[in-house]
N, C-alpha and C. Protein backbone atom coordinates (compact mmCIF):
# COMPACT_ATOMS: atom_id res chain seq x y z
N MET A 1 9.28 -16.48 20.22
CA MET A 1 8.81 -16.01 18.93
C MET A 1 10.01 -15.96 17.98
N ILE A 2 9.80 -16.45 16.79
CA ILE A 2 10.84 -16.46 15.77
C ILE A 2 11.08 -15.02 15.32
N LEU A 3 12.31 -14.73 14.95
CA LEU A 3 12.69 -13.38 14.56
C LEU A 3 11.87 -12.87 13.37
N SER A 4 11.60 -13.74 12.40
CA SER A 4 10.83 -13.30 11.24
C SER A 4 9.39 -12.96 11.64
N GLN A 5 8.82 -13.68 12.59
CA GLN A 5 7.48 -13.36 13.06
C GLN A 5 7.47 -12.01 13.78
N PHE A 6 8.55 -11.71 14.46
CA PHE A 6 8.67 -10.42 15.14
C PHE A 6 8.68 -9.29 14.11
N TYR A 7 9.39 -9.47 13.00
CA TYR A 7 9.41 -8.46 11.95
C TYR A 7 8.03 -8.28 11.32
N VAL A 8 7.31 -9.36 11.13
CA VAL A 8 5.95 -9.27 10.58
C VAL A 8 5.05 -8.49 11.53
N LEU A 9 5.17 -8.78 12.82
CA LEU A 9 4.37 -8.07 13.82
C LEU A 9 4.69 -6.58 13.81
N ILE A 10 5.95 -6.23 13.75
CA ILE A 10 6.33 -4.82 13.70
C ILE A 10 5.78 -4.16 12.44
N SER A 11 5.84 -4.83 11.30
CA SER A 11 5.33 -4.27 10.05
C SER A 11 3.84 -3.99 10.12
N VAL A 12 3.09 -4.93 10.67
CA VAL A 12 1.64 -4.76 10.78
C VAL A 12 1.31 -3.62 11.75
N VAL A 13 2.03 -3.51 12.85
CA VAL A 13 1.79 -2.43 13.81
C VAL A 13 2.12 -1.07 13.18
N VAL A 14 3.22 -0.99 12.44
CA VAL A 14 3.58 0.27 11.78
C VAL A 14 2.52 0.67 10.76
N LEU A 15 2.02 -0.28 9.97
CA LEU A 15 0.96 0.04 9.01
C LEU A 15 -0.30 0.52 9.71
N ALA A 16 -0.65 -0.08 10.83
CA ALA A 16 -1.83 0.35 11.59
C ALA A 16 -1.65 1.76 12.14
N VAL A 17 -0.45 2.06 12.62
CA VAL A 17 -0.19 3.41 13.14
C VAL A 17 -0.26 4.43 12.02
N ILE A 18 0.31 4.12 10.87
CA ILE A 18 0.25 5.04 9.72
C ILE A 18 -1.20 5.29 9.33
N MET A 19 -2.02 4.26 9.27
CA MET A 19 -3.42 4.43 8.92
C MET A 19 -4.14 5.29 9.95
N ALA A 20 -3.87 5.07 11.24
CA ALA A 20 -4.51 5.86 12.29
C ALA A 20 -4.12 7.33 12.19
N VAL A 21 -2.85 7.60 11.92
CA VAL A 21 -2.39 8.98 11.78
C VAL A 21 -3.03 9.65 10.57
N MET A 22 -3.12 8.93 9.48
CA MET A 22 -3.74 9.50 8.27
C MET A 22 -5.21 9.82 8.51
N LEU A 23 -5.91 8.95 9.20
CA LEU A 23 -7.32 9.20 9.49
C LEU A 23 -7.48 10.36 10.46
N ALA A 24 -6.60 10.46 11.43
CA ALA A 24 -6.68 11.56 12.41
C ALA A 24 -6.36 12.89 11.77
N MET A 25 -5.39 12.93 10.88
CA MET A 25 -5.01 14.19 10.23
C MET A 25 -6.05 14.62 9.20
N GLY A 26 -6.71 13.66 8.59
CA GLY A 26 -7.71 13.97 7.59
C GLY A 26 -9.03 14.40 8.20
N LYS A 27 -9.20 14.26 9.50
CA LYS A 27 -10.42 14.63 10.22
C LYS A 27 -11.66 14.01 9.56
N GLY A 28 -11.55 12.74 9.18
CA GLY A 28 -12.68 12.03 8.63
C GLY A 28 -12.85 12.20 7.13
N LYS A 29 -12.10 13.11 6.54
CA LYS A 29 -12.20 13.34 5.10
C LYS A 29 -11.03 12.64 4.43
N TYR A 30 -11.29 11.53 3.83
CA TYR A 30 -10.25 10.80 3.14
C TYR A 30 -10.79 10.26 1.84
N ARG A 31 -9.89 10.07 0.91
CA ARG A 31 -10.26 9.59 -0.41
C ARG A 31 -10.37 8.07 -0.37
N GLU A 32 -11.34 7.54 -1.05
CA GLU A 32 -11.48 6.09 -1.12
C GLU A 32 -10.30 5.50 -1.89
N ILE A 33 -9.92 4.31 -1.49
CA ILE A 33 -8.83 3.66 -2.18
C ILE A 33 -9.34 3.10 -3.50
N SER A 34 -8.53 3.23 -4.54
CA SER A 34 -8.93 2.73 -5.85
C SER A 34 -8.81 1.20 -5.86
N PRO A 35 -9.49 0.56 -6.79
CA PRO A 35 -9.37 -0.91 -6.86
C PRO A 35 -7.93 -1.36 -7.08
N LEU A 36 -7.20 -0.65 -7.93
CA LEU A 36 -5.81 -1.02 -8.18
C LEU A 36 -4.96 -0.81 -6.93
N GLY A 37 -5.25 0.24 -6.18
CA GLY A 37 -4.55 0.50 -4.93
C GLY A 37 -4.83 -0.59 -3.91
N GLY A 38 -6.05 -1.08 -3.87
CA GLY A 38 -6.40 -2.18 -2.96
C GLY A 38 -5.67 -3.46 -3.30
N ILE A 39 -5.57 -3.74 -4.59
CA ILE A 39 -4.85 -4.93 -5.03
C ILE A 39 -3.36 -4.80 -4.68
N ALA A 40 -2.82 -3.60 -4.89
CA ALA A 40 -1.41 -3.37 -4.55
C ALA A 40 -1.18 -3.56 -3.05
N PHE A 41 -2.08 -3.05 -2.23
CA PHE A 41 -1.96 -3.21 -0.79
C PHE A 41 -2.01 -4.69 -0.41
N ALA A 42 -2.88 -5.45 -1.07
CA ALA A 42 -2.98 -6.88 -0.79
C ALA A 42 -1.67 -7.61 -1.15
N PHE A 43 -1.05 -7.23 -2.26
CA PHE A 43 0.22 -7.84 -2.65
C PHE A 43 1.32 -7.52 -1.63
N VAL A 44 1.37 -6.27 -1.17
CA VAL A 44 2.38 -5.89 -0.19
C VAL A 44 2.16 -6.65 1.11
N MET A 45 0.92 -6.72 1.57
CA MET A 45 0.64 -7.45 2.81
C MET A 45 0.97 -8.93 2.66
N ALA A 46 0.67 -9.51 1.50
CA ALA A 46 1.02 -10.92 1.28
C ALA A 46 2.52 -11.12 1.31
N GLY A 47 3.27 -10.15 0.78
CA GLY A 47 4.73 -10.23 0.82
C GLY A 47 5.25 -10.15 2.25
N ILE A 48 4.59 -9.35 3.09
CA ILE A 48 5.00 -9.24 4.49
C ILE A 48 4.65 -10.50 5.26
N ILE A 49 3.53 -11.11 4.95
CA ILE A 49 3.06 -12.28 5.68
C ILE A 49 3.87 -13.53 5.32
N LEU A 50 4.51 -13.57 4.17
CA LEU A 50 5.25 -14.75 3.74
C LEU A 50 6.76 -14.53 3.84
N PRO A 51 7.31 -14.39 5.05
CA PRO A 51 8.76 -14.15 5.15
C PRO A 51 9.61 -15.42 5.02
N GLU A 52 8.99 -16.61 5.12
CA GLU A 52 9.76 -17.84 5.05
C GLU A 52 10.40 -18.03 3.68
N LYS A 53 9.66 -17.66 2.66
CA LYS A 53 10.17 -17.79 1.29
C LYS A 53 10.47 -16.38 0.79
N ARG A 54 11.71 -16.00 0.93
CA ARG A 54 12.10 -14.61 0.66
C ARG A 54 11.83 -14.18 -0.77
N MET A 55 12.16 -15.01 -1.72
CA MET A 55 11.98 -14.62 -3.13
C MET A 55 10.51 -14.36 -3.45
N ILE A 56 9.63 -15.20 -2.93
CA ILE A 56 8.20 -15.00 -3.17
C ILE A 56 7.73 -13.75 -2.45
N GLY A 57 8.15 -13.56 -1.20
CA GLY A 57 7.75 -12.38 -0.45
C GLY A 57 8.23 -11.10 -1.08
N TYR A 58 9.50 -11.04 -1.49
CA TYR A 58 10.03 -9.85 -2.14
C TYR A 58 9.36 -9.62 -3.49
N GLY A 59 9.07 -10.69 -4.18
CA GLY A 59 8.38 -10.57 -5.47
C GLY A 59 6.99 -9.99 -5.31
N LEU A 60 6.26 -10.46 -4.31
CA LEU A 60 4.92 -9.93 -4.07
C LEU A 60 4.97 -8.46 -3.67
N MET A 61 5.94 -8.09 -2.83
CA MET A 61 6.08 -6.68 -2.46
C MET A 61 6.47 -5.83 -3.66
N GLY A 62 7.30 -6.37 -4.53
CA GLY A 62 7.69 -5.65 -5.74
C GLY A 62 6.51 -5.43 -6.67
N ILE A 63 5.68 -6.46 -6.83
CA ILE A 63 4.48 -6.33 -7.65
C ILE A 63 3.56 -5.26 -7.06
N GLY A 64 3.41 -5.27 -5.74
CA GLY A 64 2.59 -4.25 -5.08
C GLY A 64 3.12 -2.85 -5.30
N ALA A 65 4.44 -2.69 -5.22
CA ALA A 65 5.04 -1.37 -5.43
C ALA A 65 4.84 -0.90 -6.85
N ILE A 66 4.99 -1.79 -7.80
CA ILE A 66 4.78 -1.42 -9.21
C ILE A 66 3.32 -1.02 -9.44
N LEU A 67 2.39 -1.76 -8.85
CA LEU A 67 0.97 -1.42 -9.00
C LEU A 67 0.64 -0.07 -8.38
N VAL A 68 1.28 0.25 -7.26
CA VAL A 68 1.07 1.57 -6.63
C VAL A 68 1.56 2.67 -7.55
N LEU A 69 2.72 2.47 -8.17
CA LEU A 69 3.24 3.47 -9.10
C LEU A 69 2.31 3.66 -10.30
N ILE A 70 1.82 2.56 -10.84
CA ILE A 70 0.88 2.64 -11.97
C ILE A 70 -0.38 3.37 -11.56
N ASP A 71 -0.90 3.06 -10.38
CA ASP A 71 -2.11 3.71 -9.88
C ASP A 71 -1.89 5.21 -9.70
N THR A 72 -0.74 5.58 -9.15
CA THR A 72 -0.43 6.99 -8.93
C THR A 72 -0.34 7.74 -10.26
N VAL A 73 0.32 7.15 -11.24
CA VAL A 73 0.43 7.79 -12.56
C VAL A 73 -0.94 7.94 -13.18
N MET A 74 -1.79 6.93 -13.07
CA MET A 74 -3.14 7.02 -13.65
C MET A 74 -3.95 8.14 -12.98
N ILE A 75 -3.85 8.27 -11.67
CA ILE A 75 -4.59 9.30 -10.95
C ILE A 75 -4.07 10.68 -11.33
N LEU A 76 -2.74 10.84 -11.41
CA LEU A 76 -2.18 12.14 -11.79
C LEU A 76 -2.55 12.53 -13.21
N ARG A 77 -2.53 11.58 -14.12
CA ARG A 77 -2.93 11.87 -15.51
C ARG A 77 -4.40 12.30 -15.56
N LYS A 78 -5.23 11.64 -14.78
CA LYS A 78 -6.64 11.99 -14.75
C LYS A 78 -6.84 13.41 -14.21
N LYS A 79 -6.09 13.77 -13.15
CA LYS A 79 -6.20 15.12 -12.60
C LYS A 79 -5.71 16.17 -13.59
N ILE A 80 -4.60 15.89 -14.28
CA ILE A 80 -4.09 16.84 -15.27
C ILE A 80 -5.08 17.01 -16.43
N LYS A 81 -5.67 15.92 -16.87
CA LYS A 81 -6.65 15.98 -17.96
C LYS A 81 -7.86 16.79 -17.54
N ASN A 82 -8.34 16.61 -16.30
CA ASN A 82 -9.50 17.35 -15.83
C ASN A 82 -9.19 18.83 -15.67
N ASN A 83 -7.98 19.19 -15.29
CA ASN A 83 -7.63 20.59 -15.13
C ASN A 83 -7.48 21.30 -16.47
N LYS A 84 -7.07 20.61 -17.53
CA LYS A 84 -6.95 21.21 -18.85
C LYS A 84 -8.32 21.48 -19.47
N ASP A 85 -9.29 20.62 -19.14
CA ASP A 85 -10.64 20.79 -19.69
C ASP A 85 -11.34 21.98 -19.09
N VAL A 86 -10.99 22.39 -17.87
CA VAL A 86 -11.70 23.45 -17.18
C VAL A 86 -11.32 24.79 -17.67
């Protein structure tokens, strides 16, 4: 197995373990992922899957990270706005 494929395998296993832990700790109560969060996750996974072309892979992961930040800011602003109205 090529070293880069080994890194991809480790990344996918780590993501699966994180998801399993989150589901176990939430006891079945978890928030649905937003559409922007889903797109960000897809960009990050695409960046992990394409290790042969580093610039493209890092670029895709960077786009995913930026989208996650935008999604988080939008969710926090929405929560703050809803709390002021109450």
